[in-house]
Amino acid sequence: MQQDSQKKLINILKEHKSIDGTPLFKHLVQTIHKLVNEQSKQFKDLEFFELLSDFVKKNNYVNRKPQSDSDVNNIKEQFGQNHEWIQKCQALIKESKAVKSNYSKVLFPDFYNENQMLQMAGIGFGEEESQRIAMSIKKLAEESKASQIRFWGKILCSGKDYYVAEGVTSNENADQLPKDAEKKGEGANFYTFWVTHDVLGEWMELPLVTPQQVVAARQIKYIFTGDLNANVKSYPLFNGKEKHLLKAQIARISCACVLSPKGLYQALDDPEKPNQIELTEEPFKLPEYAELKELTNWVHLHTFLNTQGRATFYIDPTLDQEKQDALQEIANSDENQSERLKEITDEKTPYPGDTENEEPNPNWYVREYGDLQQFNQEEGTAIYGVVVLRNKTWNGHYTVCNNQRWSNIYIGYGLKTNQIPFVPPQPDDLQAEVDDTDEFPEPNHKDPPPKEENEENAQEEQE
């Protein structure tokens, strides 16, 4: 019985082998043989045995059979961990060089050059990543046949983040929408947006958004997961997938934050095309650096979305006249009246002031970064710094400019800051301690107080 157990143990030790093929049984035999031959007096505990076992393992010679010439020639090619990524970068560079580069700088801005300006404000991407983004946007412009396109920004998620591109495309193959929704190329659906997790991969076009989805997006707070087809778990219920909510949030941010220098665009004189703009006929030149810090020189490029979630108020023609008149009154209210190229000077933050009588502050931060020293040149003075306009309502949107170019970009979670910051109330002052009361004798019915004291107490109670 004991011999069977020993054989079973030996077989188990022979089955377990190291990476180089040495059985555990052979290793134990060599270690014990080393220990017996040397007759070392240092063997006092298991720690020395472990050191001796490690020594035998490192100095053990394993005779391997040499491979034949056919085996050597058929060894599979091994690549590094970054080989696939390098192949994608090479393919992107090759495709980008094949694309024509005769695009307008206004309608097709080069993000690589913009990023150099954004980095001065501390909000840009790295040099290599910005180059990959610029080439990917260039490739997307050729594939989508967009009449204008730019890198919109980055939506941060709990999973993989979304890189977002914005462009204008034709209305072909548009989604089916309800009758109260704006068509492709109008209002909230004026721009086409593409997203991707990796600029080396393919871009996915976001679907058109309905007014109901925009209204529902205003009532919820949701951190994007990075899955376009994920269900939106929120209350109130959002009717759509994550890609619909993403499109609604991007449209809200663009309509509220994208700025343009005053004088670059002008309203189109066409009553059939309301809220349409066009470039001015005269060549436009950016204001001087000092003037860029003034809010009066900046305007909103888009109209605000009204209470219906649209750029224009919709009145169903099938309703009776009384209901149409009621809706027309709502449409004429200030919150439903908006126009493009509106100045940002009078735009106030939604937060109240510190006191009840204090007026709200402007809704834009204006900051300067970089080298603010003035340098004299033949054409005048030059400053190599940048001016940053940051929106207080949508934290993460920046408008960065200098005297040569400007750029709008958003980097954030797509959440609106419409709540008053919580400030814990200060505790009340400590009150003074109550004065110690005088000691009173314990009442005893056998020893009643004098009659005079009873009369005085009764009079005090009556008073």
Foldseek 3Di string as FASTA:
>chain_A
DVVVVVVVVLVVQQVDADPLGHGNNVLVVVLVVVCVVVVDPPPDDCVVSVVSSVVCVVPPDDDDDDDDPVVVVPDDDDDDPCPVVVVLVVVLVVLLVVFDDPADCVQEPQQLVVQVQVVLVPPHDDNVVSVLLRSLQSNVCVVQVFPGKDFAAWADAPAQIKGKMKTAHDQPPADDDDPQFDGQCFWLNVIWMWIDSDSSDDTHTFHDEGLVQLLVLVVWDFFHHPDQQDAGDTPPHHPHGNSRSVSSLSSQCLQVPDKDFPQQKDFDPDPVDAQDIDGDPDDDFFDAQVCVLDLQGMFRQHKHQANSNGRAQDDDPVDDPVVSVVSVVVCPDPRNDIHGRHGQPPAFDLDQDPDPPDHGHRQKDKDKGDFQDWDADPVGIAGPIKIWIAGNQQGFWIWIDHRPDIDIYGDYNSDTDNDDDDDDDDDDDDDDDDDDDDDDDDDDPVDHDDPVVVVVVVVVVVD
